[in-house]
PDB file of N, CA and C in Angstrom:
ATOM      1  N   MET A   1    -187.029-206.689 -40.068  1.00  0.00           N
ATOM      2  CA  MET A   1    -186.344-207.684 -40.860  1.00  0.00           C
ATOM      3  C   MET A   1    -187.323-208.244 -41.885  1.00  0.00           C
ATOM      4  N   ASN A   2    -186.807-208.543 -43.090  1.00  0.00           N
ATOM      5  CA  ASN A   2    -187.648-209.155 -44.112  1.00  0.00           C
ATOM      6  C   ASN A   2    -188.104-210.527 -43.640  1.00  0.00           C
ATOM      7  N   THR A   3    -189.384-210.830 -43.873  1.00  0.00           N
ATOM      8  CA  THR A   3    -189.892-212.125 -43.453  1.00  0.00           C
ATOM      9  C   THR A   3    -189.967-213.107 -44.602  1.00  0.00           C
ATOM     10  N   THR A   4    -189.957-212.616 -45.830  1.00  0.00           N
ATOM     11  CA  THR A   4    -189.980-213.509 -46.988  1.00  0.00           C
ATOM     12  C   THR A   4    -188.604-213.478 -47.643  1.00  0.00           C
ATOM     13  N   LEU A   5    -187.852-214.534 -47.425  1.00  0.00           N
ATOM     14  CA  LEU A   5    -186.501-214.608 -47.961  1.00  0.00           C
ATOM     15  C   LEU A   5    -186.432-215.692 -49.022  1.00  0.00           C
ATOM     16  N   ASP A   6    -185.824-215.364 -50.141  1.00  0.00           N
ATOM     17  CA  ASP A   6    -185.612-216.416 -51.131  1.00  0.00           C
ATOM     18  C   ASP A   6    -184.420-217.265 -50.703  1.00  0.00           C
ATOM     19  N   ALA A   7    -184.289-218.419 -51.333  1.00  0.00           N
ATOM     20  CA  ALA A   7    -183.244-219.368 -50.943  1.00  0.00           C
ATOM     21  C   ALA A   7    -181.857-218.754 -51.076  1.00  0.00           C
ATOM     22  N   TYR A   8    -181.639-217.930 -52.098  1.00  0.00           N
ATOM     23  CA  TYR A   8    -180.322-217.324 -52.281  1.00  0.00           C
ATOM     24  C   TYR A   8    -179.995-216.398 -51.113  1.00  0.00           C
ATOM     25  N   MET A   9    -180.959-215.601 -50.685  1.00  0.00           N
ATOM     26  CA  MET A   9    -180.711-214.664 -49.587  1.00  0.00           C
ATOM     27  C   MET A   9    -180.416-215.413 -48.296  1.00  0.00           C
ATOM     28  N   VAL A  10    -181.113-216.500 -48.046  1.00  0.00           N
ATOM     29  CA  VAL A  10    -180.842-217.315 -46.860  1.00  0.00           C
ATOM     30  C   VAL A  10    -179.402-217.811 -46.899  1.00  0.00           C
ATOM     31  N   GLN A  11    -178.963-218.323 -48.040  1.00  0.00           N
ATOM     32  CA  GLN A  11    -177.581-218.802 -48.181  1.00  0.00           C
ATOM     33  C   GLN A  11    -176.593-217.655 -48.035  1.00  0.00           C
ATOM     34  N   ALA A  12    -176.914-216.506 -48.619  1.00  0.00           N
ATOM     35  CA  ALA A  12    -176.017-215.346 -48.526  1.00  0.00           C
ATOM     36  C   ALA A  12    -175.867-214.912 -47.071  1.00  0.00           C
ATOM     37  N   LEU A  13    -176.970-214.861 -46.340  1.00  0.00           N
ATOM     38  CA  LEU A  13    -176.899-214.470 -44.930  1.00  0.00           C
ATOM     39  C   LEU A  13    -176.095-215.478 -44.118  1.00  0.00           C
ATOM     40  N   GLU A  14    -176.236-216.759 -44.419  1.00  0.00           N
ATOM     41  CA  GLU A  14    -175.432-217.775 -43.737  1.00  0.00           C
ATOM     42  C   GLU A  14    -173.950-217.568 -44.024  1.00  0.00           C
ATOM     43  N   ARG A  15    -173.613-217.304 -45.285  1.00  0.00           N
ATOM     44  CA  ARG A  15    -172.208-217.039 -45.655  1.00  0.00           C
ATOM     45  C   ARG A  15    -171.690-215.792 -44.953  1.00  0.00           C
ATOM     46  N   ILE A  16    -172.518-214.761 -44.918  1.00  0.00           N
ATOM     47  CA  ILE A  16    -172.099-213.509 -44.283  1.00  0.00           C
ATOM     48  C   ILE A  16    -171.850-213.719 -42.791  1.00  0.00           C
ATOM     49  N   PHE A  17    -172.827-214.299 -42.085  1.00  0.00           N
ATOM     50  CA  PHE A  17    -172.689-214.421 -40.631  1.00  0.00           C
ATOM     51  C   PHE A  17    -171.617-215.420 -40.223  1.00  0.00           C
ATOM     52  N   ALA A  18    -171.201-216.291 -41.118  1.00  0.00           N
ATOM     53  CA  ALA A  18    -170.068-217.172 -40.832  1.00  0.00           C
ATOM     54  C   ALA A  18    -168.758-216.380 -40.830  1.00  0.00           C
ATOM     55  N   ARG A  19    -168.802-215.155 -41.340  1.00  0.00           N
ATOM     56  CA  ARG A  19    -167.604-214.321 -41.467  1.00  0.00           C
ATOM     57  C   ARG A  19    -167.697-213.035 -40.642  1.00  0.00           C
ATOM     58  N   VAL A  20    -168.602-213.005 -39.675  1.00  0.00           N
ATOM     59  CA  VAL A  20    -168.806-211.817 -38.845  1.00  0.00           C
ATOM     60  C   VAL A  20    -168.511-212.155 -37.386  1.00  0.00           C
ATOM     61  N   ASP A  21    -167.725-211.297 -36.745  1.00  0.00           N
ATOM     62  CA  ASP A  21    -167.462-211.407 -35.314  1.00  0.00           C
ATOM     63  C   ASP A  21    -168.337-210.376 -34.614  1.00  0.00           C
ATOM     64  N   LYS A  22    -169.401-210.836 -33.951  1.00  0.00           N
ATOM     65  CA  LYS A  22    -170.315-209.925 -33.265  1.00  0.00           C
ATOM     66  C   LYS A  22    -169.799-209.511 -31.892  1.00  0.00           C
ATOM     67  N   ASN A  23    -168.630-209.965 -31.505  1.00  0.00           N
ATOM     68  CA  ASN A  23    -168.063-209.627 -30.198  1.00  0.00           C
ATOM     69  C   ASN A  23    -166.964-208.589 -30.287  1.00  0.00           C
ATOM     70  N   ALA A  24    -166.923-207.840 -31.366  1.00  0.00           N
ATOM     71  CA  ALA A  24    -165.894-206.814 -31.539  1.00  0.00           C
ATOM     72  C   ALA A  24    -166.177-205.631 -30.604  1.00  0.00           C
ATOM     73  N   PRO A  25    -165.155-204.866 -30.275  1.00  0.00           N
ATOM     74  CA  PRO A  25    -165.338-203.712 -29.377  1.00  0.00           C
ATOM     75  C   PRO A  25    -166.355-202.712 -29.930  1.00  0.00           C
ATOM     76  N   GLY A  26    -167.046-202.046 -29.021  1.00  0.00           N
ATOM     77  CA  GLY A  26    -167.969-200.985 -29.399  1.00  0.00           C
ATOM     78  C   GLY A  26    -169.272-201.454 -30.029  1.00  0.00           C
ATOM     79  N   GLY A  27    -169.546-202.746 -29.952  1.00  0.00           N
ATOM     80  CA  GLY A  27    -170.770-203.261 -30.547  1.00  0.00           C
ATOM     81  C   GLY A  27    -170.693-203.462 -32.046  1.00  0.00           C
ATOM     82  N   CYS A  28    -169.498-203.302 -32.608  1.00  0.00           N
ATOM     83  CA  CYS A  28    -169.332-203.514 -34.049  1.00  0.00           C
ATOM     84  C   CYS A  28    -169.493-204.988 -34.387  1.00  0.00           C
ATOM     85  N   TRP A  29    -170.039-205.253 -35.536  1.00  0.00           N
ATOM     86  CA  TRP A  29    -170.039-206.597 -36.117  1.00  0.00           C
ATOM     87  C   TRP A  29    -168.883-206.584 -37.113  1.00  0.00           C
ATOM     88  N   GLN A  30    -167.762-207.132 -36.723  1.00  0.00           N
ATOM     89  CA  GLN A  30    -166.525-207.042 -37.489  1.00  0.00           C
ATOM     90  C   GLN A  30    -166.501-208.072 -38.623  1.00  0.00           C
ATOM     91  N   TRP A  31    -166.353-207.605 -39.860  1.00  0.00           N
ATOM     92  CA  TRP A  31    -166.206-208.467 -41.028  1.00  0.00           C
ATOM     93  C   TRP A  31    -164.811-209.063 -41.005  1.00  0.00           C
ATOM     94  N   THR A  32    -164.707-210.390 -41.127  1.00  0.00           N
ATOM     95  CA  THR A  32    -163.416-211.066 -40.978  1.00  0.00           C
ATOM     96  C   THR A  32    -162.895-211.640 -42.287  1.00  0.00           C
ATOM     97  N   ALA A  33    -163.563-211.352 -43.399  1.00  0.00           N
ATOM     98  CA  ALA A  33    -163.164-211.945 -44.686  1.00  0.00           C
ATOM     99  C   ALA A  33    -162.711-210.849 -45.655  1.00  0.00           C
ATOM    100  N   THR A  34    -162.930-211.068 -46.911  1.00  0.00           N
ATOM    101  CA  THR A  34    -162.445-210.200 -47.981  1.00  0.00           C
ATOM    102  C   THR A  34    -162.933-208.762 -47.839  1.00  0.00           C
ATOM    103  N   VAL A  35    -162.005-207.836 -48.054  1.00  0.00           N
ATOM    104  CA  VAL A  35    -162.360-206.418 -48.105  1.00  0.00           C
ATOM    105  C   VAL A  35    -161.969-205.872 -49.474  1.00  0.00           C
ATOM    106  N   ASN A  36    -162.653-204.802 -49.879  1.00  0.00           N
ATOM    107  CA  ASN A  36    -162.309-204.185 -51.162  1.00  0.00           C
ATOM    108  C   ASN A  36    -161.114-203.247 -50.984  1.00  0.00           C
ATOM    109  N   SER A  37    -160.747-202.551 -52.036  1.00  0.00           N
ATOM    110  CA  SER A  37    -159.559-201.690 -51.991  1.00  0.00           C
ATOM    111  C   SER A  37    -159.723-200.522 -51.023  1.00  0.00           C
ATOM    112  N   ASN A  38    -160.946-200.219 -50.610  1.00  0.00           N
ATOM    113  CA  ASN A  38    -161.191-199.154 -49.641  1.00  0.00           C
ATOM    114  C   ASN A  38    -161.328-199.680 -48.210  1.00  0.00           C
ATOM    115  N   GLY A  39    -161.200-200.992 -48.034  1.00  0.00           N
ATOM    116  CA  GLY A  39    -161.244-201.578 -46.705  1.00  0.00           C
ATOM    117  C   GLY A  39    -162.616-202.001 -46.216  1.00  0.00           C
ATOM    118  N   TYR A  40    -163.622-201.984 -47.092  1.00  0.00           N
ATOM    119  CA  TYR A  40    -164.977-202.384 -46.715  1.00  0.00           C
ATOM    120  C   TYR A  40    -165.206-203.852 -47.037  1.00  0.00           C
ATOM    121  N   GLY A  41    -165.935-204.557 -46.148  1.00  0.00           N
ATOM    122  CA  GLY A  41    -166.250-205.962 -46.358  1.00  0.00           C
ATOM    123  C   GLY A  41    -167.036-206.159 -47.641  1.00  0.00           C
ATOM    124  N   SER A  42    -166.655-207.175 -48.416  1.00  0.00           N
ATOM    125  CA  SER A  42    -167.343-207.422 -49.685  1.00  0.00           C
ATOM    126  C   SER A  42    -167.515-208.918 -49.907  1.00  0.00           C
ATOM    127  N   ILE A  43    -168.544-209.237 -50.689  1.00  0.00           N
ATOM    128  CA  ILE A  43    -168.876-210.634 -50.956  1.00  0.00           C
ATOM    129  C   ILE A  43    -169.561-210.707 -52.319  1.00  0.00           C
ATOM    130  N   TRP A  44    -169.379-211.842 -53.008  1.00  0.00           N
ATOM    131  CA  TRP A  44    -170.133-212.069 -54.238  1.00  0.00           C
ATOM    132  C   TRP A  44    -171.586-212.243 -53.845  1.00  0.00           C
ATOM    133  N   PHE A  45    -172.472-211.520 -54.506  1.00  0.00           N
ATOM    134  CA  PHE A  45    -173.891-211.542 -54.153  1.00  0.00           C
ATOM    135  C   PHE A  45    -174.731-211.756 -55.398  1.00  0.00           C
ATOM    136  N   ARG A  46    -175.569-212.761 -55.352  1.00  0.00           N
ATOM    137  CA  ARG A  46    -176.446-213.135 -56.464  1.00  0.00           C
ATOM    138  C   ARG A  46    -175.663-213.382 -57.753  1.00  0.00           C
ATOM    139  N   GLY A  47    -174.407-213.763 -57.602  1.00  0.00           N
ATOM    140  CA  GLY A  47    -173.576-214.082 -58.745  1.00  0.00           C
ATOM    141  C   GLY A  47    -173.301-212.907 -59.666  1.00  0.00           C
ATOM    142  N   GLU A  48    -173.684-211.710 -59.236  1.00  0.00           N
ATOM    143  CA  GLU A  48    -173.544-210.527 -60.081  1.00  0.00           C
ATOM    144  C   GLU A  48    -172.140-209.933 -60.021  1.00  0.00           C
ATOM    145  N   ARG A  49    -171.772-209.519 -58.817  1.00  0.00           N
ATOM    146  CA  ARG A  49    -170.505-208.814 -58.618  1.00  0.00           C
ATOM    147  C   ARG A  49    -170.258-208.710 -57.126  1.00  0.00           C
ATOM    148  N   MET A  50    -169.120-208.208 -56.790  1.00  0.00           N
ATOM    149  CA  MET A  50    -168.830-207.992 -55.380  1.00  0.00           C
ATOM    150  C   MET A  50    -169.743-206.880 -54.863  1.00  0.00           C
ATOM    151  N   ARG A  51    -170.330-207.130 -53.712  1.00  0.00           N
ATOM    152  CA  ARG A  51    -171.215-206.145 -53.085  1.00  0.00           C
ATOM    153  C   ARG A  51    -170.706-205.861 -51.682  1.00  0.00           C
ATOM    154  N   LEU A  52    -170.996-204.685 -51.188  1.00  0.00           N
ATOM    155  CA  LEU A  52    -170.575-204.293 -49.849  1.00  0.00           C
ATOM    156  C   LEU A  52    -171.498-204.923 -48.813  1.00  0.00           C
ATOM    157  N   VAL A  53    -170.894-205.628 -47.876  1.00  0.00           N
ATOM    158  CA  VAL A  53    -171.661-206.388 -46.895  1.00  0.00           C
ATOM    159  C   VAL A  53    -172.494-205.472 -46.003  1.00  0.00           C
ATOM    160  N   HIS A  54    -171.953-204.330 -45.612  1.00  0.00           N
ATOM    161  CA  HIS A  54    -172.720-203.444 -44.734  1.00  0.00           C
ATOM    162  C   HIS A  54    -173.982-202.932 -45.432  1.00  0.00           C
ATOM    163  N   ARG A  55    -173.935-202.762 -46.749  1.00  0.00           N
ATOM    164  CA  ARG A  55    -175.133-202.341 -47.497  1.00  0.00           C
ATOM    165  C   ARG A  55    -176.159-203.476 -47.571  1.00  0.00           C
ATOM    166  N   ILE A  56    -175.676-204.692 -47.815  1.00  0.00           N
ATOM    167  CA  ILE A  56    -176.581-205.849 -47.880  1.00  0.00           C
ATOM    168  C   ILE A  56    -177.322-206.004 -46.554  1.00  0.00           C
ATOM    169  N   LEU A  57    -176.575-205.970 -45.440  1.00  0.00           N
ATOM    170  CA  LEU A  57    -177.197-206.164 -44.132  1.00  0.00           C
ATOM    171  C   LEU A  57    -178.104-204.995 -43.757  1.00  0.00           C
ATOM    172  N   TYR A  58    -177.705-203.783 -44.094  1.00  0.00           N
ATOM    173  CA  TYR A  58    -178.571-202.638 -43.799  1.00  0.00           C
ATOM    174  C   TYR A  58    -179.912-202.805 -44.513  1.00  0.00           C
ATOM    175  N   GLN A  59    -179.857-203.121 -45.794  1.00  0.00           N
ATOM    176  CA  GLN A  59    -181.089-203.280 -46.558  1.00  0.00           C
ATOM    177  C   GLN A  59    -181.942-204.424 -46.009  1.00  0.00           C
ATOM    178  N   HIS A  60    -181.294-205.513 -45.653  1.00  0.00           N
ATOM    179  CA  HIS A  60    -182.024-206.668 -45.136  1.00  0.00           C
ATOM    180  C   HIS A  60    -182.702-206.348 -43.803  1.00  0.00           C
ATOM    181  N   PHE A  61    -181.950-205.850 -42.839  1.00  0.00           N
ATOM    182  CA  PHE A  61    -182.493-205.632 -41.509  1.00  0.00           C
ATOM    183  C   PHE A  61    -183.420-204.423 -41.425  1.00  0.00           C
ATOM    184  N   LYS A  62    -183.199-203.426 -42.261  1.00  0.00           N
ATOM    185  CA  LYS A  62    -184.056-202.239 -42.227  1.00  0.00           C
ATOM    186  C   LYS A  62    -185.221-202.348 -43.215  1.00  0.00           C
ATOM    187  N   GLY A  63    -185.213-203.368 -44.067  1.00  0.00           N
ATOM    188  CA  GLY A  63    -186.322-203.591 -44.990  1.00  0.00           C
ATOM    189  C   GLY A  63    -186.459-202.544 -46.072  1.00  0.00           C
ATOM    190  N   VAL A  64    -185.339-202.033 -46.543  1.00  0.00           N
ATOM    191  CA  VAL A  64    -185.354-200.999 -47.581  1.00  0.00           C
ATOM    192  C   VAL A  64    -184.500-201.445 -48.766  1.00  0.00           C
ATOM    193  N   THR A  65    -184.708-200.794 -49.881  1.00  0.00           N
ATOM    194  CA  THR A  65    -183.847-200.958 -51.043  1.00  0.00           C
ATOM    195  C   THR A  65    -183.134-199.634 -51.258  1.00  0.00           C
ATOM    196  N   LEU A  66    -181.816-199.681 -51.341  1.00  0.00           N
ATOM    197  CA  LEU A  66    -181.034-198.458 -51.469  1.00  0.00           C
ATOM    198  C   LEU A  66    -180.566-198.259 -52.905  1.00  0.00           C
ATOM    199  N   PRO A  67    -180.855-197.104 -53.475  1.00  0.00           N
ATOM    200  CA  PRO A  67    -180.274-196.802 -54.784  1.00  0.00           C
ATOM    201  C   PRO A  67    -178.769-196.582 -54.630  1.00  0.00           C
ATOM    202  N   SER A  68    -178.036-196.735 -55.705  1.00  0.00           N
ATOM    203  CA  SER A  68    -176.573-196.594 -55.635  1.00  0.00           C
ATOM    204  C   SER A  68    -176.157-195.177 -55.250  1.00  0.00           C
ATOM    205  N   SER A  69    -177.045-194.192 -55.402  1.00  0.00           N
ATOM    206  CA  SER A  69    -176.711-192.811 -55.057  1.00  0.00           C
ATOM    207  C   SER A  69    -176.722-192.565 -53.546  1.00  0.00           C
ATOM    208  N   ILE A  70    -177.234-193.520 -52.780  1.00  0.00           N
ATOM    209  CA  ILE A  70    -177.278-193.381 -51.324  1.00  0.00           C
ATOM    210  C   ILE A  70    -176.068-194.074 -50.713  1.00  0.00           C
ATOM    211  N   CYS A  71    -175.382-193.360 -49.841  1.00  0.00           N
ATOM    212  CA  CYS A  71    -174.211-193.894 -49.146  1.00  0.00           C
ATOM    213  C   CYS A  71    -174.631-194.414 -47.776  1.00  0.00           C
ATOM    214  N   CYS A  72    -173.975-195.474 -47.348  1.00  0.00           N
ATOM    215  CA  CYS A  72    -174.126-195.990 -45.986  1.00  0.00           C
ATOM    216  C   CYS A  72    -172.909-195.519 -45.206  1.00  0.00           C
ATOM    217  N   LEU A  73    -173.120-194.597 -44.292  1.00  0.00           N
ATOM    218  CA  LEU A  73    -172.041-194.020 -43.510  1.00  0.00           C
ATOM    219  C   LEU A  73    -171.958-194.720 -42.159  1.00  0.00           C
ATOM    220  N   HIS A  74    -170.758-194.862 -41.656  1.00  0.00           N
ATOM    221  CA  HIS A  74    -170.530-195.561 -40.390  1.00  0.00           C
ATOM    222  C   HIS A  74    -170.452-194.577 -39.225  1.00  0.00           C
ATOM    223  N   LYS A  75    -171.338-194.739 -38.257  1.00  0.00           N
ATOM    224  CA  LYS A  75    -171.258-193.949 -37.023  1.00  0.00           C
ATOM    225  C   LYS A  75    -169.966-194.276 -36.288  1.00  0.00           C
ATOM    226  N   CYS A  76    -169.556-195.530 -36.352  1.00  0.00           N
ATOM    227  CA  CYS A  76    -168.397-196.023 -35.611  1.00  0.00           C
ATOM    228  C   CYS A  76    -167.077-195.793 -36.352  1.00  0.00           C
ATOM    229  N   ASP A  77    -167.135-195.388 -37.603  1.00  0.00           N
ATOM    230  CA  ASP A  77    -165.938-195.158 -38.427  1.00  0.00           C
ATOM    231  C   ASP A  77    -165.069-196.400 -38.571  1.00  0.00           C
ATOM    232  N   ASN A  78    -165.675-197.561 -38.457  1.00  0.00           N
ATOM    233  CA  ASN A  78    -164.974-198.827 -38.633  1.00  0.00           C
ATOM    234  C   ASN A  78    -165.423-199.409 -39.971  1.00  0.00           C
ATOM    235  N   ARG A  79    -164.565-199.367 -40.969  1.00  0.00           N
ATOM    236  CA  ARG A  79    -164.942-199.816 -42.311  1.00  0.00           C
ATOM    237  C   ARG A  79    -165.314-201.292 -42.371  1.00  0.00           C
ATOM    238  N   ARG A  80    -164.806-202.084 -41.455  1.00  0.00           N
ATOM    239  CA  ARG A  80    -165.126-203.514 -41.426  1.00  0.00           C
ATOM    240  C   ARG A  80    -166.409-203.808 -40.653  1.00  0.00           C
ATOM    241  N   CYS A  81    -167.001-202.795 -40.029  1.00  0.00           N
ATOM    242  CA  CYS A  81    -168.229-203.002 -39.269  1.00  0.00           C
ATOM    243  C   CYS A  81    -169.408-203.160 -40.225  1.00  0.00           C
ATOM    244  N   VAL A  82    -170.213-204.204 -39.982  1.00  0.00           N
ATOM    245  CA  VAL A  82    -171.385-204.464 -40.818  1.00  0.00           C
ATOM    246  C   VAL A  82    -172.674-204.429 -39.987  1.00  0.00           C
ATOM    247  N   ASN A  83    -172.604-203.886 -38.776  1.00  0.00           N
ATOM    248  CA  ASN A  83    -173.771-203.780 -37.910  1.00  0.00           C
ATOM    249  C   ASN A  83    -174.707-202.707 -38.472  1.00  0.00           C
ATOM    250  N   PRO A  84    -175.918-203.084 -38.875  1.00  0.00           N
ATOM    251  CA  PRO A  84    -176.828-202.100 -39.465  1.00  0.00           C
ATOM    252  C   PRO A  84    -177.182-200.956 -38.512  1.00  0.00           C
ATOM    253  N   ASP A  85    -177.080-201.179 -37.208  1.00  0.00           N
ATOM    254  CA  ASP A  85    -177.363-200.111 -36.257  1.00  0.00           C
ATOM    255  C   ASP A  85    -176.232-199.095 -36.163  1.00  0.00           C
ATOM    256  N   HIS A  86    -175.107-199.382 -36.777  1.00  0.00           N
ATOM    257  CA  HIS A  86    -173.988-198.440 -36.807  1.00  0.00           C
ATOM    258  C   HIS A  86    -173.961-197.640 -38.111  1.00  0.00           C
ATOM    259  N   ILE A  87    -174.980-197.829 -38.937  1.00  0.00           N
ATOM    260  CA  ILE A  87    -175.028-197.195 -40.259  1.00  0.00           C
ATOM    261  C   ILE A  87    -176.080-196.096 -40.268  1.00  0.00           C
ATOM    262  N   PHE A  88    -175.748-194.981 -40.927  1.00  0.00           N
ATOM    263  CA  PHE A  88    -176.762-193.969 -41.233  1.00  0.00           C
ATOM    264  C   PHE A  88    -176.610-193.621 -42.702  1.00  0.00           C
ATOM    265  N   LEU A  89    -177.676-193.143 -43.292  1.00  0.00           N
ATOM    266  CA  LEU A  89    -177.704-192.920 -44.738  1.00  0.00           C
ATOM    267  C   LEU A  89    -177.447-191.467 -45.084  1.00  0.00           C
ATOM    268  N   GLY A  90    -176.892-191.267 -46.248  1.00  0.00           N
ATOM    269  CA  GLY A  90    -176.675-189.925 -46.771  1.00  0.00           C
ATOM    270  C   GLY A  90    -176.290-190.003 -48.232  1.00  0.00           C
ATOM    271  N   ASP A  91    -176.120-188.842 -48.843  1.00  0.00           N
ATOM    272  CA  ASP A  91    -175.644-188.813 -50.227  1.00  0.00           C
ATOM    273  C   ASP A  91    -174.133-188.566 -50.209  1.00  0.00           C
ATOM    274  N   GLN A  92    -173.537-188.403 -51.370  1.00  0.00           N
ATOM    275  CA  GLN A  92    -172.081-188.239 -51.437  1.00  0.00           C
ATOM    276  C   GLN A  92    -171.620-186.984 -50.699  1.00  0.00           C
ATOM    277  N   ARG A  93    -172.430-185.928 -50.757  1.00  0.00           N
ATOM    278  CA  ARG A  93    -172.080-184.702 -50.041  1.00  0.00           C
ATOM    279  C   ARG A  93    -172.046-184.974 -48.533  1.00  0.00           C
ATOM    280  N   ASP A  94    -173.039-185.689 -48.028  1.00  0.00           N
ATOM    281  CA  ASP A  94    -173.064-186.041 -46.603  1.00  0.00           C
ATOM    282  C   ASP A  94    -171.843-186.885 -46.230  1.00  0.00           C
ATOM    283  N   ASN A  95    -171.467-187.800 -47.106  1.00  0.00           N
ATOM    284  CA  ASN A  95    -170.314-188.663 -46.866  1.00  0.00           C
ATOM    285  C   ASN A  95    -169.038-187.822 -46.785  1.00  0.00           C
ATOM    286  N   ASN A  96    -168.886-186.892 -47.718  1.00  0.00           N
ATOM    287  CA  ASN A  96    -167.703-186.023 -47.711  1.00  0.00           C
ATOM    288  C   ASN A  96    -167.677-185.140 -46.463  1.00  0.00           C
ATOM    289  N   LEU A  97    -168.833-184.606 -46.080  1.00  0.00           N
ATOM    290  CA  LEU A  97    -168.908-183.763 -44.889  1.00  0.00           C
ATOM    291  C   LEU A  97    -168.574-184.565 -43.631  1.00  0.00           C
ATOM    292  N   ASP A  98    -169.113-185.784 -43.531  1.00  0.00           N
ATOM    293  CA  ASP A  98    -168.828-186.655 -42.393  1.00  0.00           C
ATOM    294  C   ASP A  98    -167.328-186.930 -42.299  1.00  0.00           C
ATOM    295  N   MET A  99    -166.708-187.221 -43.434  1.00  0.00           N
ATOM    296  CA  MET A  99    -165.270-187.483 -43.474  1.00  0.00           C
ATOM    297  C   MET A  99    -164.493-186.237 -43.025  1.00  0.00           C
ATOM    298  N   PHE A 100    -164.901-185.072 -43.502  1.00  0.00           N
ATOM    299  CA  PHE A 100    -164.213-183.833 -43.153  1.00  0.00           C
ATOM    300  C   PHE A 100    -164.353-183.521 -41.664  1.00  0.00           C
ATOM    301  N   LEU A 101    -165.576-183.621 -41.142  1.00  0.00           N
ATOM    302  CA  LEU A 101    -165.818-183.291 -39.737  1.00  0.00           C
ATOM    303  C   LEU A 101    -165.088-184.236 -38.787  1.00  0.00           C
ATOM    304  N   LYS A 102    -164.898-185.473 -39.214  1.00  0.00           N
ATOM    305  CA  LYS A 102    -164.198-186.457 -38.379  1.00  0.00           C
ATOM    306  C   LYS A 102    -162.701-186.504 -38.686  1.00  0.00           C
ATOM    307  N   ARG A 103    -162.250-185.571 -39.507  1.00  0.00           N
ATOM    308  CA  ARG A 103    -160.835-185.418 -39.872  1.00  0.00           C
ATOM    309  C   ARG A 103    -160.243-186.707 -40.449  1.00  0.00           C
ATOM    310  N   ARG A 104    -161.018-187.365 -41.310  1.00  0.00           N
ATOM    311  CA  ARG A 104    -160.545-188.561 -41.994  1.00  0.00           C
ATOM    312  C   ARG A 104    -160.120-188.236 -43.425  1.00  0.00           C
ATOM    313  N   HIS A 105    -159.784-186.999 -43.683  1.00  0.00           N
ATOM    314  CA  HIS A 105    -159.335-186.565 -45.005  1.00  0.00           C
ATOM    315  C   HIS A 105    -157.882-186.139 -44.892  1.00  0.00           C
ATOM    316  N   ALA A 106    -157.235-185.999 -46.040  1.00  0.00           N
ATOM    317  CA  ALA A 106    -155.851-185.543 -46.041  1.00  0.00           C
ATOM    318  C   ALA A 106    -155.825-184.079 -45.586  1.00  0.00           C
ATOM    319  N   HIS A 107    -155.042-183.802 -44.547  1.00  0.00           N
ATOM    320  CA  HIS A 107    -154.931-182.454 -44.049  1.00  0.00           C
ATOM    321  C   HIS A 107    -153.550-182.238 -43.467  1.00  0.00           C
ATOM    322  N   GLY A 108    -153.186-180.989 -43.326  1.00  0.00           N
ATOM    323  CA  GLY A 108    -151.881-180.665 -42.755  1.00  0.00           C
ATOM    324  C   GLY A 108    -150.747-181.213 -43.606  1.00  0.00           C
ATOM    325  N   GLU A 109    -149.696-181.670 -42.972  1.00  0.00           N
ATOM    326  CA  GLU A 109    -148.532-182.159 -43.691  1.00  0.00           C
ATOM    327  C   GLU A 109    -148.800-183.480 -44.397  1.00  0.00           C
ATOM    328  N   GLY A 110    -149.869-184.171 -44.008  1.00  0.00           N
ATOM    329  CA  GLY A 110    -150.225-185.421 -44.667  1.00  0.00           C
ATOM    330  C   GLY A 110    -150.877-185.200 -46.017  1.00  0.00           C
ATOM    331  N   ASN A 111    -151.176-183.962 -46.369  1.00  0.00           N
ATOM    332  CA  ASN A 111    -151.850-183.632 -47.618  1.00  0.00           C
ATOM    333  C   ASN A 111    -150.855-183.476 -48.734  1.00  0.00           C
TER     334      ASN A 111
END
C-alpha cells in the first residue's frame, strides 16, 4: 500500500470505502454506488472524469501506475467487485480471451 498519500487521495479513499460492502459473497468488495454503462463501479476522481473504482484501488493497494492500455480483469467475474486481490492484469487480447473462455460473449442463439 502507498504510504505517502495526498489529501485528495485520502478523501477519495474515504468516499470509495463508504460505498463498498466488504461482506459480499466470495470475498468480493461489492461497489454499491454509481456504475458505468458496462456495469463497473465509477467515481469522479481528481475532478478529471469518471474513473473505474477497481482500477483506482488496484493501483493504490498494489503500488503501481497502470497505463490505459492495461486492463484489470476480474477473477470473480463480478463487475461491481473492487477487491484488488480479485484483479489480474492483461491487455485487450487477454481480456477478450478471458471473456471467451468464460463464455461471457454472445454465442449460440444469443448471438
